[in-house]
Amino acid sequence: MNTPKVVAAALILAFGMALAQDPVIVGLITKTETNPFFVKMREGAQAKTEELGAELLTAAGSFDGDNEAQVTAIENMVNAGATGILITPSDTSAIVPAIERAREQGVIVIALDTPTEPQSATDALFATDNFQAGLLIGQYAKAVMGDTEPVVATLDLAPGISVGTLRHNGFMAGYGLADVTAETPEQTNSPEVVCSQDTQGDQTQGQTAMENCLTANPDINLVYTINEPAAFGAYTAIRNAGLEDQITVVSVDGGCAGVRGVVDGQIDATSQQYPLEMASLGVEAVVEYAQSGTAPTGYTDTGVTLITDNPVEGVESEDTAFGLENCWGE
């Protein structure tokens, strides 16, 4: 028969063992450390790990497309005992073997923002519906342009990155320039697209690309950009050419700088996404897996909203006041 002292001692021991358990380790690997989108993603992951008593490890590539650094980060996090790794893959195909090796060792891997190719290479995906983001700005551009024949420039991301293809194809489908779906594997153009250039989502490259496009075809009246830095670069080239009142610019991201770009007229509309939500849900999923053994599966849409101060009939949107309340970055 156990005495009260024995029972109390057992309870104290059990409580002490519980306290001594190592925290759940969650890894977060972003494309870069400096992009405000990924800064906000880290903030969301850090806040959620602190809330849930987990530990966060972070790493990033030195540039957008730095697959080698992301592979090394996965290996380091597996060796550090991570239960799960959240990753925004820079090269959606080349990263897959490293992800597979991690999963073979019992680590769950969740893609944030950008799906791998194939998407099934990760346990789950928490991301903006990038096709829908492109679709919204394509529909908006179509309504704004009305009966004007579009002469289009697309300032894209880079080959082999699914997020760029999805946004581009969404824009094309939204405008009605091509019959494409989210499953269309390759970037699609039409005769109305007179110039397409990759920008790496960079402002300087966006300006150069737009300058090249205007040199090749000064009649361009509609510009799609992969993100707002590329849009700002494009606008600089457009303004320098004295064409700011003749060209409509639409984009994707919804960072605070981008929303302010809508306010001051550099961008006509943008699709806003929510990186903090992606990271928070990812951390919750890893901790849930550690506690219950239930792994996340499939795709979770973290939402997208069209932001413009010039709404059009038939395309749901919010104004820049909403955009500024929900944006990220400086």
C-alpha atoms as a PDB file:
ATOM      1  CA  MET A   1       0.000   0.000   0.000  1.00  0.00           C
ATOM      2  CA  ASN A   2       1.388   3.369  -0.992  1.00  0.00           C
ATOM      3  CA  THR A   3       1.768   5.925   1.745  1.00  0.00           C
ATOM      4  CA  PRO A   4       0.883   9.589   1.102  1.00  0.00           C
ATOM      5  CA  LYS A   5       4.587  10.402   1.060  1.00  0.00           C
ATOM      6  CA  VAL A   6       5.268   7.763  -1.608  1.00  0.00           C
ATOM      7  CA  VAL A   7       2.371   8.998  -3.748  1.00  0.00           C
ATOM      8  CA  ALA A   8       3.534  12.595  -3.381  1.00  0.00           C
ATOM      9  CA  ALA A   9       7.079  11.661  -4.321  1.00  0.00           C
ATOM     10  CA  ALA A  10       5.838   9.826  -7.416  1.00  0.00           C
ATOM     11  CA  LEU A  11       3.789  12.819  -8.492  1.00  0.00           C
ATOM     12  CA  ILE A  12       6.740  15.154  -8.011  1.00  0.00           C
ATOM     13  CA  LEU A  13       8.965  12.821 -10.032  1.00  0.00           C
ATOM     14  CA  ALA A  14       6.435  12.587 -12.852  1.00  0.00           C
ATOM     15  CA  PHE A  15       5.987  16.351 -12.872  1.00  0.00           C
ATOM     16  CA  GLY A  16       9.751  16.867 -12.944  1.00  0.00           C
ATOM     17  CA  MET A  17      10.119  14.441 -15.844  1.00  0.00           C
ATOM     18  CA  ALA A  18       7.430  16.310 -17.764  1.00  0.00           C
ATOM     19  CA  LEU A  19       9.230  19.592 -17.201  1.00  0.00           C
ATOM     20  CA  ALA A  20      12.487  18.021 -18.284  1.00  0.00           C
ATOM     21  CA  GLN A  21      11.116  16.908 -21.649  1.00  0.00           C
ATOM     22  CA  ASP A  22      12.838  18.601 -24.529  1.00  0.00           C
ATOM     23  CA  PRO A  23      10.729  21.176 -26.365  1.00  0.00           C
ATOM     24  CA  VAL A  24       9.472  20.395 -29.843  1.00  0.00           C
ATOM     25  CA  ILE A  25      11.994  21.703 -32.382  1.00  0.00           C
ATOM     26  CA  VAL A  26      10.545  23.376 -35.461  1.00  0.00           C
ATOM     27  CA  GLY A  27      12.734  24.403 -38.394  1.00  0.00           C
ATOM     28  CA  LEU A  28      11.914  27.308 -40.706  1.00  0.00           C
ATOM     29  CA  ILE A  29      13.835  27.709 -43.963  1.00  0.00           C
ATOM     30  CA  THR A  30      13.009  30.730 -46.118  1.00  0.00           C
ATOM     31  CA  LYS A  31      14.280  31.783 -49.525  1.00  0.00           C
ATOM     32  CA  THR A  32      16.119  34.811 -48.114  1.00  0.00           C
ATOM     33  CA  GLU A  33      16.448  36.623 -44.778  1.00  0.00           C
ATOM     34  CA  THR A  34      15.840  40.169 -46.011  1.00  0.00           C
ATOM     35  CA  ASN A  35      12.629  40.021 -48.040  1.00  0.00           C
ATOM     36  CA  PRO A  36       9.879  41.560 -45.824  1.00  0.00           C
ATOM     37  CA  PHE A  37       7.585  38.664 -46.739  1.00  0.00           C
ATOM     38  CA  PHE A  38       9.963  36.185 -45.131  1.00  0.00           C
ATOM     39  CA  VAL A  39      10.728  38.528 -42.236  1.00  0.00           C
ATOM     40  CA  LYS A  40       7.001  38.494 -41.405  1.00  0.00           C
ATOM     41  CA  MET A  41       6.949  34.721 -41.831  1.00  0.00           C
ATOM     42  CA  ARG A  42       9.740  34.368 -39.256  1.00  0.00           C
ATOM     43  CA  GLU A  43       7.886  36.693 -36.895  1.00  0.00           C
ATOM     44  CA  GLY A  44       4.796  34.523 -37.151  1.00  0.00           C
ATOM     45  CA  ALA A  45       6.771  31.322 -36.567  1.00  0.00           C
ATOM     46  CA  GLN A  46       8.651  32.814 -33.607  1.00  0.00           C
ATOM     47  CA  ALA A  47       5.490  34.088 -31.945  1.00  0.00           C
ATOM     48  CA  LYS A  48       3.701  30.771 -32.366  1.00  0.00           C
ATOM     49  CA  THR A  49       6.627  28.649 -31.112  1.00  0.00           C
ATOM     50  CA  GLU A  50       6.895  30.848 -28.021  1.00  0.00           C
ATOM     51  CA  GLU A  51       3.153  30.563 -27.458  1.00  0.00           C
ATOM     52  CA  LEU A  52       3.266  26.755 -27.716  1.00  0.00           C
ATOM     53  CA  GLY A  53       6.527  26.263 -25.816  1.00  0.00           C
ATOM     54  CA  ALA A  54       8.418  24.998 -28.853  1.00  0.00           C
ATOM     55  CA  GLU A  55      11.886  25.895 -30.119  1.00  0.00           C
ATOM     56  CA  LEU A  56      12.481  27.541 -33.500  1.00  0.00           C
ATOM     57  CA  LEU A  57      15.508  27.038 -35.743  1.00  0.00           C
ATOM     58  CA  THR A  58      15.800  29.338 -38.763  1.00  0.00           C
ATOM     59  CA  ALA A  59      17.868  29.415 -41.932  1.00  0.00           C
ATOM     60  CA  ALA A  60      17.670  31.029 -45.362  1.00  0.00           C
ATOM     61  CA  GLY A  61      19.341  31.164 -48.729  1.00  0.00           C
ATOM     62  CA  SER A  62      21.669  34.051 -49.502  1.00  0.00           C
ATOM     63  CA  PHE A  63      19.600  34.852 -52.602  1.00  0.00           C
ATOM     64  CA  ASP A  64      16.297  33.796 -54.160  1.00  0.00           C
ATOM     65  CA  GLY A  65      17.113  30.502 -55.868  1.00  0.00           C
ATOM     66  CA  ASP A  66      19.869  29.400 -53.462  1.00  0.00           C
ATOM     67  CA  ASN A  67      18.980  25.706 -53.384  1.00  0.00           C
ATOM     68  CA  GLU A  68      22.348  24.580 -52.017  1.00  0.00           C
ATOM     69  CA  ALA A  69      21.906  26.621 -48.822  1.00  0.00           C
ATOM     70  CA  GLN A  70      18.421  25.215 -48.312  1.00  0.00           C
ATOM     71  CA  VAL A  71      19.679  21.634 -48.722  1.00  0.00           C
ATOM     72  CA  THR A  72      22.363  22.276 -46.100  1.00  0.00           C
ATOM     73  CA  ALA A  73      19.784  23.827 -43.769  1.00  0.00           C
ATOM     74  CA  ILE A  74      17.532  20.759 -44.016  1.00  0.00           C
ATOM     75  CA  GLU A  75      20.442  18.466 -43.175  1.00  0.00           C
ATOM     76  CA  ASN A  76      21.476  20.637 -40.216  1.00  0.00           C
ATOM     77  CA  MET A  77      17.951  20.764 -38.824  1.00  0.00           C
ATOM     78  CA  VAL A  78      17.478  17.013 -39.124  1.00  0.00           C
ATOM     79  CA  ASN A  79      20.759  16.520 -37.242  1.00  0.00           C
ATOM     80  CA  ALA A  80      19.585  19.015 -34.597  1.00  0.00           C
ATOM     81  CA  GLY A  81      16.527  16.880 -33.861  1.00  0.00           C
ATOM     82  CA  ALA A  82      13.810  18.871 -35.589  1.00  0.00           C
ATOM     83  CA  THR A  83      10.387  17.250 -35.425  1.00  0.00           C
ATOM     84  CA  GLY A  84       9.249  19.194 -38.469  1.00  0.00           C
ATOM     85  CA  ILE A  85      10.642  21.606 -41.032  1.00  0.00           C
ATOM     86  CA  LEU A  86       8.757  24.444 -42.698  1.00  0.00           C
ATOM     87  CA  ILE A  87      10.272  25.536 -46.010  1.00  0.00           C
ATOM     88  CA  THR A  88       9.668  28.038 -48.792  1.00  0.00           C
ATOM     89  CA  PRO A  89      11.547  26.171 -51.541  1.00  0.00           C
ATOM     90  CA  SER A  90      13.787  28.285 -53.761  1.00  0.00           C
ATOM     91  CA  ASP A  91      14.049  25.614 -56.432  1.00  0.00           C
ATOM     92  CA  THR A  92      10.851  23.624 -56.268  1.00  0.00           C
ATOM     93  CA  SER A  93      12.259  20.572 -58.061  1.00  0.00           C
ATOM     94  CA  ALA A  94      15.907  20.490 -56.984  1.00  0.00           C
ATOM     95  CA  ILE A  95      15.022  20.586 -53.272  1.00  0.00           C
ATOM     96  CA  VAL A  96      12.905  17.419 -53.449  1.00  0.00           C
ATOM     97  CA  PRO A  97      15.684  14.808 -52.836  1.00  0.00           C
ATOM     98  CA  ALA A  98      16.758  16.609 -49.627  1.00  0.00           C
ATOM     99  CA  ILE A  99      13.144  16.740 -48.461  1.00  0.00           C
ATOM    100  CA  GLU A 100      12.704  13.045 -49.187  1.00  0.00           C
ATOM    101  CA  ARG A 101      15.794  12.188 -47.119  1.00  0.00           C
ATOM    102  CA  ALA A 102      14.435  14.202 -44.189  1.00  0.00           C
ATOM    103  CA  ARG A 103      11.046  12.508 -44.346  1.00  0.00           C
ATOM    104  CA  GLU A 104      12.720   9.086 -44.495  1.00  0.00           C
ATOM    105  CA  GLN A 105      14.253   9.944 -41.120  1.00  0.00           C
ATOM    106  CA  GLY A 106      10.827  10.683 -39.616  1.00  0.00           C
ATOM    107  CA  VAL A 107      10.833  14.472 -39.967  1.00  0.00           C
ATOM    108  CA  ILE A 108       7.655  16.003 -41.355  1.00  0.00           C
ATOM    109  CA  VAL A 109       8.188  18.686 -43.987  1.00  0.00           C
ATOM    110  CA  ILE A 110       5.635  21.393 -44.745  1.00  0.00           C
ATOM    111  CA  ALA A 111       5.947  23.769 -47.694  1.00  0.00           C
ATOM    112  CA  LEU A 112       4.981  27.385 -47.048  1.00  0.00           C
ATOM    113  CA  ASP A 113       3.976  29.807 -49.829  1.00  0.00           C
ATOM    114  CA  THR A 114       5.540  27.794 -52.667  1.00  0.00           C
ATOM    115  CA  PRO A 115       4.624  24.188 -53.489  1.00  0.00           C
ATOM    116  CA  THR A 116       7.316  21.722 -54.422  1.00  0.00           C
ATOM    117  CA  GLU A 117       7.225  19.874 -57.733  1.00  0.00           C
ATOM    118  CA  PRO A 118       5.576  17.495 -57.233  1.00  0.00           C
ATOM    119  CA  GLN A 119       3.495  18.962 -54.410  1.00  0.00           C
ATOM    120  CA  SER A 120       3.312  15.484 -52.828  1.00  0.00           C
ATOM    121  CA  ALA A 121       7.024  15.697 -51.990  1.00  0.00           C
ATOM    122  CA  THR A 122       6.035  17.435 -48.740  1.00  0.00           C
ATOM    123  CA  ASP A 123       3.594  16.276 -46.090  1.00  0.00           C
ATOM    124  CA  ALA A 124       1.484  19.409 -46.504  1.00  0.00           C
ATOM    125  CA  LEU A 125       1.312  22.870 -48.040  1.00  0.00           C
ATOM    126  CA  PHE A 126       0.178  26.088 -46.310  1.00  0.00           C
ATOM    127  CA  ALA A 127       0.059  28.797 -48.953  1.00  0.00           C
ATOM    128  CA  THR A 128      -1.717  31.452 -50.898  1.00  0.00           C
ATOM    129  CA  ASP A 129      -3.649  30.093 -53.842  1.00  0.00           C
ATOM    130  CA  ASN A 130      -1.195  31.707 -56.262  1.00  0.00           C
ATOM    131  CA  PHE A 131      -3.315  30.869 -59.286  1.00  0.00           C
ATOM    132  CA  GLN A 132      -6.233  32.660 -57.615  1.00  0.00           C
ATOM    133  CA  ALA A 133      -3.980  35.635 -56.798  1.00  0.00           C
ATOM    134  CA  GLY A 134      -3.126  35.956 -60.482  1.00  0.00           C
ATOM    135  CA  LEU A 135      -6.725  35.314 -61.497  1.00  0.00           C
ATOM    136  CA  LEU A 136      -7.978  38.247 -59.397  1.00  0.00           C
ATOM    137  CA  ILE A 137      -5.599  40.790 -60.894  1.00  0.00           C
ATOM    138  CA  GLY A 138      -6.289  39.427 -64.369  1.00  0.00           C
ATOM    139  CA  GLN A 139     -10.028  39.859 -63.877  1.00  0.00           C
ATOM    140  CA  TYR A 140      -9.461  43.335 -62.490  1.00  0.00           C
ATOM    141  CA  ALA A 141      -7.243  44.334 -65.411  1.00  0.00           C
ATOM    142  CA  LYS A 142      -9.831  43.030 -67.895  1.00  0.00           C
ATOM    143  CA  ALA A 143     -12.555  45.154 -66.276  1.00  0.00           C
ATOM    144  CA  VAL A 144     -10.358  48.262 -66.180  1.00  0.00           C
ATOM    145  CA  MET A 145      -9.196  47.910 -69.778  1.00  0.00           C
ATOM    146  CA  GLY A 146     -12.750  47.437 -71.071  1.00  0.00           C
ATOM    147  CA  ASP A 147     -12.831  47.441 -74.872  1.00  0.00           C
ATOM    148  CA  THR A 148      -9.213  48.590 -75.222  1.00  0.00           C
ATOM    149  CA  GLU A 149      -7.117  45.963 -76.968  1.00  0.00           C
ATOM    150  CA  PRO A 150      -4.475  44.792 -74.467  1.00  0.00           C
ATOM    151  CA  VAL A 151      -0.811  45.047 -75.379  1.00  0.00           C
ATOM    152  CA  VAL A 152       0.737  43.136 -72.523  1.00  0.00           C
ATOM    153  CA  ALA A 153       4.138  42.830 -70.879  1.00  0.00           C
ATOM    154  CA  THR A 154       4.641  40.153 -68.225  1.00  0.00           C
ATOM    155  CA  LEU A 155       7.505  40.588 -65.758  1.00  0.00           C
ATOM    156  CA  ASP A 156       7.895  37.109 -64.362  1.00  0.00           C
ATOM    157  CA  LEU A 157       9.984  35.344 -61.726  1.00  0.00           C
ATOM    158  CA  ALA A 158      12.335  32.670 -63.110  1.00  0.00           C
ATOM    159  CA  PRO A 159      12.054  29.283 -64.816  1.00  0.00           C
ATOM    160  CA  GLY A 160      11.293  26.256 -62.666  1.00  0.00           C
ATOM    161  CA  ILE A 161       9.556  28.043 -59.763  1.00  0.00           C
ATOM    162  CA  SER A 162       5.938  27.010 -59.435  1.00  0.00           C
ATOM    163  CA  VAL A 163       4.743  30.172 -57.684  1.00  0.00           C
ATOM    164  CA  GLY A 164       5.782  32.231 -60.700  1.00  0.00           C
ATOM    165  CA  THR A 165       4.045  29.928 -63.151  1.00  0.00           C
ATOM    166  CA  LEU A 166       0.857  29.821 -61.091  1.00  0.00           C
ATOM    167  CA  ARG A 167       0.588  33.613 -60.751  1.00  0.00           C
ATOM    168  CA  HIS A 168       1.376  34.173 -64.422  1.00  0.00           C
ATOM    169  CA  ASN A 169      -1.143  31.584 -65.607  1.00  0.00           C
ATOM    170  CA  GLY A 170      -3.752  32.896 -63.180  1.00  0.00           C
ATOM    171  CA  PHE A 171      -3.370  36.382 -64.641  1.00  0.00           C
ATOM    172  CA  MET A 172      -3.679  35.009 -68.172  1.00  0.00           C
ATOM    173  CA  ALA A 173      -6.812  33.039 -67.276  1.00  0.00           C
ATOM    174  CA  GLY A 174      -8.326  35.949 -65.353  1.00  0.00           C
ATOM    175  CA  TYR A 175      -7.977  38.259 -68.343  1.00  0.00           C
ATOM    176  CA  GLY A 176      -9.110  35.553 -70.747  1.00  0.00           C
ATOM    177  CA  LEU A 177      -5.884  35.582 -72.734  1.00  0.00           C
ATOM    178  CA  ALA A 178      -5.321  31.835 -72.399  1.00  0.00           C
ATOM    179  CA  ASP A 179      -7.321  28.769 -71.428  1.00  0.00           C
ATOM    180  CA  VAL A 180      -5.190  27.593 -68.525  1.00  0.00           C
ATOM    181  CA  THR A 181      -5.771  26.136 -65.061  1.00  0.00           C
ATOM    182  CA  ALA A 182      -3.754  25.838 -61.875  1.00  0.00           C
ATOM    183  CA  GLU A 183      -2.620  22.412 -63.107  1.00  0.00           C
ATOM    184  CA  THR A 184      -1.104  23.805 -66.308  1.00  0.00           C
ATOM    185  CA  PRO A 185       2.568  22.891 -65.889  1.00  0.00           C
ATOM    186  CA  GLU A 186       4.179  25.553 -68.051  1.00  0.00           C
ATOM    187  CA  GLN A 187       3.895  29.324 -68.254  1.00  0.00           C
ATOM    188  CA  THR A 188       1.465  30.242 -71.030  1.00  0.00           C
ATOM    189  CA  ASN A 189       1.388  33.282 -73.328  1.00  0.00           C
ATOM    190  CA  SER A 190      -0.877  34.556 -76.098  1.00  0.00           C
ATOM    191  CA  PRO A 191      -0.494  36.944 -79.072  1.00  0.00           C
ATOM    192  CA  GLU A 192      -1.510  39.868 -76.839  1.00  0.00           C
ATOM    193  CA  VAL A 193       1.637  39.335 -74.755  1.00  0.00           C
ATOM    194  CA  VAL A 194       4.317  41.189 -76.693  1.00  0.00           C
ATOM    195  CA  CYS A 195       7.090  40.944 -74.093  1.00  0.00           C
ATOM    196  CA  SER A 196       7.908  38.506 -71.268  1.00  0.00           C
ATOM    197  CA  GLN A 197      11.024  38.812 -69.151  1.00  0.00           C
ATOM    198  CA  ASP A 198      12.220  37.241 -65.897  1.00  0.00           C
ATOM    199  CA  THR A 199      13.040  39.592 -63.019  1.00  0.00           C
ATOM    200  CA  GLN A 200      13.797  37.301 -60.035  1.00  0.00           C
ATOM    201  CA  GLY A 201      11.200  39.481 -58.288  1.00  0.00           C
ATOM    202  CA  ASP A 202      13.850  42.198 -58.028  1.00  0.00           C
ATOM    203  CA  GLN A 203      13.199  45.930 -58.414  1.00  0.00           C
ATOM    204  CA  THR A 204      16.340  46.724 -60.419  1.00  0.00           C
ATOM    205  CA  GLN A 205      15.768  43.783 -62.745  1.00  0.00           C
ATOM    206  CA  GLY A 206      12.126  44.823 -63.031  1.00  0.00           C
ATOM    207  CA  GLN A 207      13.165  48.261 -64.257  1.00  0.00           C
ATOM    208  CA  THR A 208      15.603  46.826 -66.782  1.00  0.00           C
ATOM    209  CA  ALA A 209      13.017  44.346 -68.020  1.00  0.00           C
ATOM    210  CA  MET A 210      10.420  47.083 -68.480  1.00  0.00           C
ATOM    211  CA  GLU A 211      12.905  49.293 -70.300  1.00  0.00           C
ATOM    212  CA  ASN A 212      13.642  46.402 -72.652  1.00  0.00           C
ATOM    213  CA  CYS A 213       9.949  45.770 -73.215  1.00  0.00           C
ATOM    214  CA  LEU A 214       9.184  49.423 -73.967  1.00  0.00           C
ATOM    215  CA  THR A 215      12.087  49.600 -76.373  1.00  0.00           C
ATOM    216  CA  ALA A 216      10.743  46.556 -78.203  1.00  0.00           C
ATOM    217  CA  ASN A 217       7.130  47.745 -78.123  1.00  0.00           C
ATOM    218  CA  PRO A 218       6.281  51.274 -76.931  1.00  0.00           C
ATOM    219  CA  ASP A 219       2.536  50.548 -77.349  1.00  0.00           C
ATOM    220  CA  ILE A 220       2.380  48.375 -74.212  1.00  0.00           C
ATOM    221  CA  ASN A 221      -0.645  49.391 -72.129  1.00  0.00           C
ATOM    222  CA  LEU A 222      -0.862  46.631 -69.501  1.00  0.00           C
ATOM    223  CA  VAL A 223       1.869  45.204 -67.270  1.00  0.00           C
ATOM    224  CA  TYR A 224       1.633  42.127 -65.046  1.00  0.00           C
ATOM    225  CA  THR A 225       4.397  41.744 -62.454  1.00  0.00           C
ATOM    226  CA  ILE A 226       5.265  38.741 -60.284  1.00  0.00           C
ATOM    227  CA  ASN A 227       5.532  40.930 -57.183  1.00  0.00           C
ATOM    228  CA  GLU A 228       5.602  44.532 -56.022  1.00  0.00           C
ATOM    229  CA  PRO A 229       9.385  45.114 -56.132  1.00  0.00           C
ATOM    230  CA  ALA A 230       9.238  44.175 -59.826  1.00  0.00           C
ATOM    231  CA  ALA A 231       6.214  46.486 -60.170  1.00  0.00           C
ATOM    232  CA  PHE A 232       8.123  49.416 -58.652  1.00  0.00           C
ATOM    233  CA  GLY A 233      10.976  48.816 -61.069  1.00  0.00           C
ATOM    234  CA  ALA A 234       8.530  48.676 -63.947  1.00  0.00           C
ATOM    235  CA  TYR A 235       6.866  51.903 -62.836  1.00  0.00           C
ATOM    236  CA  THR A 236      10.233  53.699 -62.747  1.00  0.00           C
ATOM    237  CA  ALA A 237      10.849  52.723 -66.368  1.00  0.00           C
ATOM    238  CA  ILE A 238       7.298  53.690 -67.318  1.00  0.00           C
ATOM    239  CA  ARG A 239       7.590  57.076 -65.601  1.00  0.00           C
ATOM    240  CA  ASN A 240      10.971  57.746 -67.196  1.00  0.00           C
ATOM    241  CA  ALA A 241       9.327  57.115 -70.567  1.00  0.00           C
ATOM    242  CA  GLY A 242       6.490  59.509 -69.703  1.00  0.00           C
ATOM    243  CA  LEU A 243       3.873  56.759 -70.010  1.00  0.00           C
ATOM    244  CA  GLU A 244       2.554  56.562 -66.437  1.00  0.00           C
ATOM    245  CA  ASP A 245      -0.927  57.715 -67.506  1.00  0.00           C
ATOM    246  CA  GLN A 246      -1.136  55.189 -70.350  1.00  0.00           C
ATOM    247  CA  ILE A 247      -0.163  51.887 -68.714  1.00  0.00           C
ATOM    248  CA  THR A 248      -2.043  49.801 -66.131  1.00  0.00           C
ATOM    249  CA  VAL A 249       0.160  47.879 -63.673  1.00  0.00           C
ATOM    250  CA  VAL A 250      -1.114  44.928 -61.623  1.00  0.00           C
ATOM    251  CA  SER A 251       0.838  42.819 -59.176  1.00  0.00           C
ATOM    252  CA  VAL A 252       0.818  40.292 -56.314  1.00  0.00           C
ATOM    253  CA  ASP A 253       2.007  40.272 -52.678  1.00  0.00           C
ATOM    254  CA  GLY A 254       0.300  42.930 -50.555  1.00  0.00           C
ATOM    255  CA  GLY A 255       3.279  44.033 -48.501  1.00  0.00           C
ATOM    256  CA  CYS A 256       2.996  47.421 -46.819  1.00  0.00           C
ATOM    257  CA  ALA A 257       5.237  49.075 -49.408  1.00  0.00           C
ATOM    258  CA  GLY A 258       3.168  47.515 -52.161  1.00  0.00           C
ATOM    259  CA  VAL A 259      -0.122  48.718 -50.687  1.00  0.00           C
ATOM    260  CA  ARG A 260       1.345  52.215 -50.417  1.00  0.00           C
ATOM    261  CA  GLY A 261       2.240  51.834 -54.091  1.00  0.00           C
ATOM    262  CA  VAL A 262      -1.464  51.330 -54.766  1.00  0.00           C
ATOM    263  CA  VAL A 263      -2.261  54.421 -52.674  1.00  0.00           C
ATOM    264  CA  ASP A 264       0.083  56.641 -54.683  1.00  0.00           C
ATOM    265  CA  GLY A 265      -0.870  55.193 -58.060  1.00  0.00           C
ATOM    266  CA  GLN A 266       2.275  53.300 -59.021  1.00  0.00           C
ATOM    267  CA  ILE A 267       0.294  50.051 -58.931  1.00  0.00           C
ATOM    268  CA  ASP A 268      -3.374  49.879 -59.930  1.00  0.00           C
ATOM    269  CA  ALA A 269      -4.190  46.745 -57.927  1.00  0.00           C
ATOM    270  CA  THR A 270      -2.422  43.972 -56.060  1.00  0.00           C
ATOM    271  CA  SER A 271      -3.405  40.603 -54.598  1.00  0.00           C
ATOM    272  CA  GLN A 272      -2.543  40.479 -50.895  1.00  0.00           C
ATOM    273  CA  GLN A 273      -1.290  37.306 -49.246  1.00  0.00           C
ATOM    274  CA  TYR A 274      -0.622  36.490 -45.581  1.00  0.00           C
ATOM    275  CA  PRO A 275       2.801  35.021 -44.682  1.00  0.00           C
ATOM    276  CA  LEU A 276       2.302  35.247 -40.910  1.00  0.00           C
ATOM    277  CA  GLU A 277      -0.729  32.975 -41.177  1.00  0.00           C
ATOM    278  CA  MET A 278       1.245  30.430 -43.200  1.00  0.00           C
ATOM    279  CA  ALA A 279       3.993  30.199 -40.599  1.00  0.00           C
ATOM    280  CA  SER A 280       1.635  30.126 -37.607  1.00  0.00           C
ATOM    281  CA  LEU A 281      -0.390  27.272 -39.064  1.00  0.00           C
ATOM    282  CA  GLY A 282       2.800  25.414 -39.954  1.00  0.00           C
ATOM    283  CA  VAL A 283       4.168  25.602 -36.410  1.00  0.00           C
ATOM    284  CA  GLU A 284       0.826  24.493 -34.980  1.00  0.00           C
ATOM    285  CA  ALA A 285       0.835  21.478 -37.305  1.00  0.00           C
ATOM    286  CA  VAL A 286       4.345  20.397 -36.252  1.00  0.00           C
ATOM    287  CA  VAL A 287       3.550  20.712 -32.542  1.00  0.00           C
ATOM    288  CA  GLU A 288       0.287  18.808 -33.038  1.00  0.00           C
ATOM    289  CA  TYR A 289       2.226  16.048 -34.782  1.00  0.00           C
ATOM    290  CA  ALA A 290       4.714  15.875 -31.911  1.00  0.00           C
ATOM    291  CA  GLN A 291       1.913  15.628 -29.352  1.00  0.00           C
ATOM    292  CA  SER A 292      -0.554  13.336 -31.110  1.00  0.00           C
ATOM    293  CA  GLY A 293       1.285  11.692 -33.987  1.00  0.00           C
ATOM    294  CA  THR A 294      -1.207  13.159 -36.442  1.00  0.00           C
ATOM    295  CA  ALA A 295       0.681  14.526 -39.430  1.00  0.00           C
ATOM    296  CA  PRO A 296      -0.747  17.338 -41.573  1.00  0.00           C
ATOM    297  CA  THR A 297      -1.766  16.478 -45.109  1.00  0.00           C
ATOM    298  CA  GLY A 298      -2.867  18.225 -48.283  1.00  0.00           C
ATOM    299  CA  TYR A 299      -3.196  21.900 -49.076  1.00  0.00           C
ATOM    300  CA  THR A 300      -4.454  24.662 -46.786  1.00  0.00           C
ATOM    301  CA  ASP A 301      -5.358  27.951 -48.475  1.00  0.00           C
ATOM    302  CA  THR A 302      -4.201  30.874 -46.301  1.00  0.00           C
ATOM    303  CA  GLY A 303      -6.229  33.432 -48.231  1.00  0.00           C
ATOM    304  CA  VAL A 304      -5.786  36.198 -50.806  1.00  0.00           C
ATOM    305  CA  THR A 305      -7.523  39.581 -51.194  1.00  0.00           C
ATOM    306  CA  LEU A 306      -7.553  41.993 -54.126  1.00  0.00           C
ATOM    307  CA  ILE A 307      -6.485  45.467 -52.936  1.00  0.00           C
ATOM    308  CA  THR A 308      -7.416  48.579 -54.920  1.00  0.00           C
ATOM    309  CA  ASP A 309      -8.920  52.008 -54.339  1.00  0.00           C
ATOM    310  CA  ASN A 310     -10.697  51.818 -57.691  1.00  0.00           C
ATOM    311  CA  PRO A 311     -13.037  48.823 -57.361  1.00  0.00           C
ATOM    312  CA  VAL A 312     -14.733  47.350 -60.415  1.00  0.00           C
ATOM    313  CA  GLU A 313     -18.053  45.579 -60.699  1.00  0.00           C
ATOM    314  CA  GLY A 314     -17.848  41.809 -60.584  1.00  0.00           C
ATOM    315  CA  VAL A 315     -14.430  41.555 -58.924  1.00  0.00           C
ATOM    316  CA  GLU A 316     -14.483  41.421 -55.123  1.00  0.00           C
ATOM    317  CA  SER A 317     -11.883  43.682 -53.511  1.00  0.00           C
ATOM    318  CA  GLU A 318     -10.915  45.668 -50.413  1.00  0.00           C
ATOM    319  CA  ASP A 319      -9.484  49.183 -50.278  1.00  0.00           C
ATOM    320  CA  THR A 320      -5.989  50.238 -49.242  1.00  0.00           C
ATOM    321  CA  ALA A 321      -7.122  50.993 -45.688  1.00  0.00           C
ATOM    322  CA  PHE A 322      -7.843  47.274 -45.316  1.00  0.00           C
ATOM    323  CA  GLY A 323      -4.607  46.474 -47.107  1.00  0.00           C
ATOM    324  CA  LEU A 324      -2.539  48.607 -44.726  1.00  0.00           C
ATOM    325  CA  GLU A 325      -4.198  47.042 -41.694  1.00  0.00           C
ATOM    326  CA  ASN A 326      -3.251  43.568 -42.914  1.00  0.00           C
ATOM    327  CA  CYS A 327       0.054  44.135 -44.701  1.00  0.00           C
ATOM    328  CA  TRP A 328       3.579  43.061 -43.768  1.00  0.00           C
ATOM    329  CA  GLY A 329       6.962  44.756 -43.959  1.00  0.00           C
ATOM    330  CA  GLU A 330       7.839  48.416 -43.545  1.00  0.00           C
END
